[in-house]
Amino acid sequence: MNEKRRFRLHMKDFDFALPESKREYNRRLFSPVAEVYSGITRILSFGRDAAWKRKQVSLLPEIPDPRILDLACGPGDLSFLFAARYPSARISGIDLNSDMLDRASANLSRMPGNIQERVDFSLSDMNELSFKDGEFDIISGGYALRNSPDLGRTLAEIHRMLKPGGYAAFLDFSRSRWKLVGRLQLDLLSFWGRLWGRVYHGNPEVYGYIAESLKSFPDQADFLRLLGDYGFSPVHYIPRMFGMIRITVVRKS
């Protein structure tokens, strides 16, 4: 096995209820993942990840010259989709992991010049952002919110940085509010993730973390209520993969 891909972290050594501990786990988690991220995301989603992201972007309205922020941008997939959808947009992608940003920058270097001029990537924590109040028309996240060290703080930051009437669009794993269904979803997700964690990294925990992090993330109904509590109005809430994935689009109230 490629030594760089080996996953030596253990979830038992971290307390995900503590923001600093969860932040450090996520920062370190994505270094061995960065090299294979695009391929493993296709496998884990049964080849549907790209279609889900295209749908996420397509659900947003036409906005002239939008300013867009892509949280936990990874290798830049969503940032590039936004650049194609909005030819005059300026897009900033941020991520906590420098290896992921290296991938994003390498991908950007292969993009046409008009996209390279409008997209930038930087190292940053989604809970500690220096952007101005009301700076963005759109804020997006692909598998981002579930990894937030402090979800309430992240939602407050998103609300702060959006312009009045601005949009936020999220793609992430989800679980049913019905306990038995939610338990089954977590068990299936844990099995599938742990299988490919062992195959790719010699450690089932690397993608077993997806199900583990989802345990403490609000279920579908609670997530919508939480968004309302932080000043967002629902626009679209679309299930995929039998409800285990949700595309959520909200507007700043």
Protein backbone atom coordinates (compact mmCIF):
# COMPACT_ATOMS: atom_id res chain seq x y z
CA MET A 1 0.00 0.00 0.00
CA ASN A 2 1.15 3.54 -0.79
CA GLU A 3 2.69 4.73 2.49
CA LYS A 4 1.27 8.22 2.06
CA ARG A 5 -2.28 6.81 2.03
CA ARG A 6 -1.91 4.95 5.31
CA PHE A 7 -4.31 6.17 7.96
CA ARG A 8 -2.85 6.12 11.45
CA LEU A 9 -5.38 8.22 13.33
CA HIS A 10 -7.81 6.57 15.71
CA MET A 11 -11.16 8.12 16.57
CA LYS A 12 -10.89 6.95 20.17
CA ASP A 13 -8.04 9.41 20.62
CA PHE A 14 -10.28 12.38 19.80
CA ASP A 15 -13.37 13.83 21.45
CA PHE A 16 -15.67 15.08 18.69
CA ALA A 17 -17.79 16.94 21.23
CA LEU A 18 -14.86 19.33 21.68
CA PRO A 19 -14.45 21.74 18.73
CA GLU A 20 -10.65 21.84 18.95
CA SER A 21 -10.40 18.05 18.98
CA LYS A 22 -12.77 17.60 16.04
CA ARG A 23 -10.98 20.36 14.10
CA GLU A 24 -7.62 18.66 14.59
CA TYR A 25 -9.00 15.27 13.55
CA ASN A 26 -10.44 16.72 10.34
CA ARG A 27 -7.27 18.66 9.60
CA ARG A 28 -5.21 15.48 9.82
CA LEU A 29 -7.83 13.14 8.31
CA PHE A 30 -7.75 14.61 4.84
CA SER A 31 -4.00 14.38 4.26
CA PRO A 32 -4.02 10.65 3.44
CA VAL A 33 -7.42 11.09 1.76
CA ALA A 34 -6.35 13.95 -0.55
CA GLU A 35 -4.50 11.73 -3.02
CA VAL A 36 -7.53 9.51 -3.68
CA TYR A 37 -10.39 11.87 -2.79
CA SER A 38 -12.00 12.21 -6.21
CA GLY A 39 -11.89 8.48 -6.93
CA ILE A 40 -13.10 7.35 -3.51
CA THR A 41 -15.92 9.89 -3.54
CA ARG A 42 -17.16 8.38 -6.81
CA ILE A 43 -17.01 4.89 -5.28
CA LEU A 44 -18.74 5.83 -2.03
CA SER A 45 -21.53 7.58 -3.98
CA PHE A 46 -21.94 4.78 -6.55
CA GLY A 47 -20.76 7.22 -9.20
CA ARG A 48 -23.37 9.87 -8.37
CA ASP A 49 -21.30 12.53 -6.59
CA ALA A 50 -20.69 14.66 -9.70
CA ALA A 51 -24.40 14.59 -10.62
CA TRP A 52 -25.39 15.63 -7.09
CA LYS A 53 -23.00 18.57 -7.20
CA ARG A 54 -24.29 19.65 -10.62
CA LYS A 55 -27.82 19.51 -9.22
CA GLN A 56 -26.77 21.51 -6.17
CA VAL A 57 -25.36 24.28 -8.36
CA SER A 58 -28.29 24.21 -10.80
CA LEU A 59 -30.82 24.85 -8.02
CA LEU A 60 -29.43 28.34 -7.41
CA PRO A 61 -30.94 31.32 -9.25
CA GLU A 62 -29.32 33.47 -11.90
CA ILE A 63 -27.32 36.21 -10.18
CA PRO A 64 -25.25 38.80 -12.08
CA ASP A 65 -21.56 38.85 -11.12
CA PRO A 66 -21.97 36.85 -7.90
CA ARG A 67 -19.38 36.58 -5.15
CA ILE A 68 -19.24 32.93 -4.02
CA LEU A 69 -17.60 31.14 -1.08
CA ASP A 70 -17.01 27.37 -1.19
CA LEU A 71 -16.52 25.92 2.31
CA ALA A 72 -14.29 22.86 2.76
CA CYS A 73 -13.63 23.05 -0.97
CA GLY A 74 -11.46 19.93 -1.18
CA PRO A 75 -10.06 19.51 -4.72
CA GLY A 76 -12.29 22.31 -5.99
CA ASP A 77 -15.12 20.43 -7.71
CA LEU A 78 -17.88 22.79 -6.62
CA SER A 79 -15.78 25.89 -7.16
CA PHE A 80 -15.22 24.94 -10.80
CA LEU A 81 -18.91 24.13 -11.31
CA PHE A 82 -19.80 27.58 -9.99
CA ALA A 83 -17.23 29.18 -12.28
CA ALA A 84 -18.86 27.45 -15.26
CA ARG A 85 -22.40 28.30 -14.16
CA TYR A 86 -21.66 31.98 -13.47
CA PRO A 87 -19.17 33.27 -16.08
CA SER A 88 -18.60 36.55 -14.20
CA ALA A 89 -18.48 35.11 -10.68
CA ARG A 90 -15.56 35.49 -8.31
CA ILE A 91 -15.14 32.33 -6.25
CA SER A 92 -13.12 31.74 -3.09
CA GLY A 93 -12.57 28.17 -1.90
CA ILE A 94 -11.32 27.52 1.63
CA ASP A 95 -10.19 24.31 3.29
CA LEU A 96 -8.59 23.27 6.56
CA ASN A 97 -6.14 20.85 4.95
CA SER A 98 -3.14 21.99 2.91
CA ASP A 99 -2.88 18.71 0.96
CA MET A 100 -6.44 19.18 -0.27
CA LEU A 101 -5.60 22.73 -1.30
CA ASP A 102 -2.57 21.47 -3.22
CA ARG A 103 -4.98 19.25 -5.18
CA ALA A 104 -7.33 22.16 -5.76
CA SER A 105 -4.50 24.38 -7.00
CA ALA A 106 -3.22 21.66 -9.32
CA ASN A 107 -6.72 21.23 -10.74
CA LEU A 108 -7.09 24.99 -11.14
CA SER A 109 -3.86 25.14 -13.15
CA ARG A 110 -5.48 22.88 -15.74
CA MET A 111 -8.56 25.07 -16.09
CA PRO A 112 -9.07 27.66 -18.86
CA GLY A 113 -7.56 31.06 -18.16
CA ASN A 114 -10.92 32.76 -17.60
CA ILE A 115 -11.60 30.36 -14.73
CA GLN A 116 -8.10 30.64 -13.27
CA GLU A 117 -8.54 34.40 -13.06
CA ARG A 118 -11.78 34.13 -11.07
CA VAL A 119 -11.11 31.30 -8.60
CA ASP A 120 -8.76 31.35 -5.61
CA PHE A 121 -8.08 28.84 -2.85
CA SER A 122 -6.80 29.49 0.67
CA LEU A 123 -6.16 27.70 3.94
CA SER A 124 -8.81 28.61 6.49
CA ASP A 125 -11.14 27.28 9.18
CA MET A 126 -14.84 27.63 8.37
CA ASN A 127 -15.45 28.83 11.93
CA GLU A 128 -12.83 31.57 11.84
CA LEU A 129 -13.21 33.45 8.58
CA SER A 130 -11.98 36.97 7.91
CA PHE A 131 -14.42 37.83 5.11
CA LYS A 132 -16.57 40.91 5.50
CA ASP A 133 -20.19 41.00 6.61
CA GLY A 134 -22.52 40.59 3.63
CA GLU A 135 -19.67 39.88 1.22
CA PHE A 136 -21.18 36.87 -0.58
CA ASP A 137 -24.20 36.20 -2.76
CA ILE A 138 -23.76 32.42 -2.43
CA ILE A 139 -22.05 30.19 0.11
CA SER A 140 -21.76 26.48 -0.65
CA GLY A 141 -20.53 23.37 1.05
CA GLY A 142 -19.99 19.85 -0.26
CA TYR A 143 -19.82 17.44 2.70
CA ALA A 144 -18.76 20.44 4.78
CA LEU A 145 -21.23 21.16 7.59
CA ARG A 146 -21.09 17.66 9.05
CA ASN A 147 -17.36 18.19 9.61
CA SER A 148 -17.74 21.58 11.27
CA PRO A 149 -16.09 21.69 14.69
CA ASP A 150 -18.97 23.91 15.87
CA LEU A 151 -22.05 23.75 13.64
CA GLY A 152 -23.86 26.66 15.29
CA ARG A 153 -20.86 28.91 14.89
CA THR A 154 -20.49 27.90 11.24
CA LEU A 155 -24.14 28.68 10.49
CA ALA A 156 -23.81 32.05 12.26
CA GLU A 157 -20.73 32.82 10.15
CA ILE A 158 -22.55 31.86 6.95
CA HIS A 159 -25.45 34.12 7.88
CA ARG A 160 -23.05 36.97 8.68
CA MET A 161 -21.14 36.71 5.40
CA LEU A 162 -24.20 36.40 3.14
CA LYS A 163 -25.80 39.46 1.63
CA PRO A 164 -29.46 40.03 2.56
CA GLY A 165 -31.42 37.56 0.44
CA GLY A 166 -28.25 35.60 -0.33
CA TYR A 167 -28.27 31.82 -0.81
CA ALA A 168 -26.52 28.91 0.87
CA ALA A 169 -26.39 25.46 -0.75
CA PHE A 170 -25.26 22.31 1.04
CA LEU A 171 -24.67 18.73 -0.06
CA ASP A 172 -24.10 16.22 2.72
CA PHE A 173 -24.93 12.86 4.20
CA SER A 174 -28.19 12.73 6.08
CA ARG A 175 -30.23 10.45 8.31
CA SER A 176 -33.94 10.01 8.87
CA ARG A 177 -35.74 11.45 11.88
CA TRP A 178 -37.27 7.99 12.32
CA LYS A 179 -34.93 6.17 14.70
CA LEU A 180 -35.10 2.71 13.14
CA VAL A 181 -34.61 4.05 9.62
CA GLY A 182 -31.82 6.34 10.81
CA ARG A 183 -30.11 3.43 12.55
CA LEU A 184 -30.27 1.36 9.38
CA GLN A 185 -28.84 4.23 7.34
CA LEU A 186 -25.95 4.63 9.77
CA ASP A 187 -25.23 0.89 9.75
CA LEU A 188 -25.18 0.74 5.94
CA LEU A 189 -23.03 3.84 5.69
CA SER A 190 -20.63 2.51 8.31
CA PHE A 191 -20.27 -0.83 6.52
CA TRP A 192 -19.67 0.78 3.12
CA GLY A 193 -17.25 3.38 4.43
CA ARG A 194 -15.27 0.97 6.59
CA LEU A 195 -14.93 -1.46 3.70
CA TRP A 196 -13.29 1.12 1.44
CA GLY A 197 -11.24 2.57 4.28
CA ARG A 198 -9.62 -0.83 4.70
CA VAL A 199 -9.10 -1.24 0.95
CA TYR A 200 -7.59 2.21 0.32
CA HIS A 201 -5.85 3.00 3.60
CA GLY A 202 -5.53 -0.22 5.59
CA ASN A 203 -7.79 1.24 8.28
CA PRO A 204 -11.60 1.05 8.27
CA GLU A 205 -11.92 4.17 10.41
CA VAL A 206 -10.93 6.58 7.66
CA TYR A 207 -14.34 6.43 5.95
CA GLY A 208 -16.09 4.87 8.93
CA TYR A 209 -15.80 8.41 10.30
CA ILE A 210 -18.58 9.49 7.92
CA ALA A 211 -21.17 7.46 9.81
CA GLU A 212 -19.61 8.34 13.16
CA SER A 213 -19.81 12.09 12.46
CA LEU A 214 -23.39 11.72 11.26
CA LYS A 215 -24.45 10.35 14.65
CA SER A 216 -23.98 13.77 16.25
CA PHE A 217 -25.23 15.76 13.25
CA PRO A 218 -28.91 16.83 13.35
CA ASP A 219 -31.34 14.49 11.63
CA GLN A 220 -33.30 15.75 8.62
CA ALA A 221 -36.07 17.45 10.58
CA ASP A 222 -33.78 18.94 13.24
CA PHE A 223 -31.41 20.26 10.58
CA LEU A 224 -34.18 22.25 8.92
CA ARG A 225 -35.30 23.64 12.29
CA LEU A 226 -31.73 24.62 13.09
CA LEU A 227 -31.37 26.47 9.79
CA GLY A 228 -34.53 28.40 10.63
CA ASP A 229 -33.16 29.25 14.07
CA TYR A 230 -30.12 30.82 12.42
CA GLY A 231 -32.14 33.00 10.06
CA PHE A 232 -32.47 30.91 6.92
CA SER A 233 -35.62 30.18 4.91
CA PRO A 234 -35.86 26.85 3.01
CA VAL A 235 -35.83 26.95 -0.79
CA HIS A 236 -35.03 23.34 -1.79
CA TYR A 237 -34.57 20.18 0.26
CA ILE A 238 -33.94 17.24 -2.04
CA PRO A 239 -33.14 13.66 -1.00
CA ARG A 240 -30.78 11.38 -2.89
CA MET A 241 -29.67 7.77 -2.35
CA PHE A 242 -32.79 6.82 -0.37
CA GLY A 243 -32.49 9.88 1.85
CA MET A 244 -28.89 9.19 2.90
CA ILE A 245 -27.83 12.29 0.96
CA ARG A 246 -29.57 15.69 1.01
CA ILE A 247 -29.17 18.76 -1.14
CA THR A 248 -30.33 21.75 0.88
CA VAL A 249 -30.72 25.28 -0.48
CA VAL A 250 -31.73 28.09 1.86
CA ARG A 251 -31.99 31.87 1.66
CA LYS A 252 -30.90 34.41 4.23
CA SER A 253 -34.08 35.80 5.75
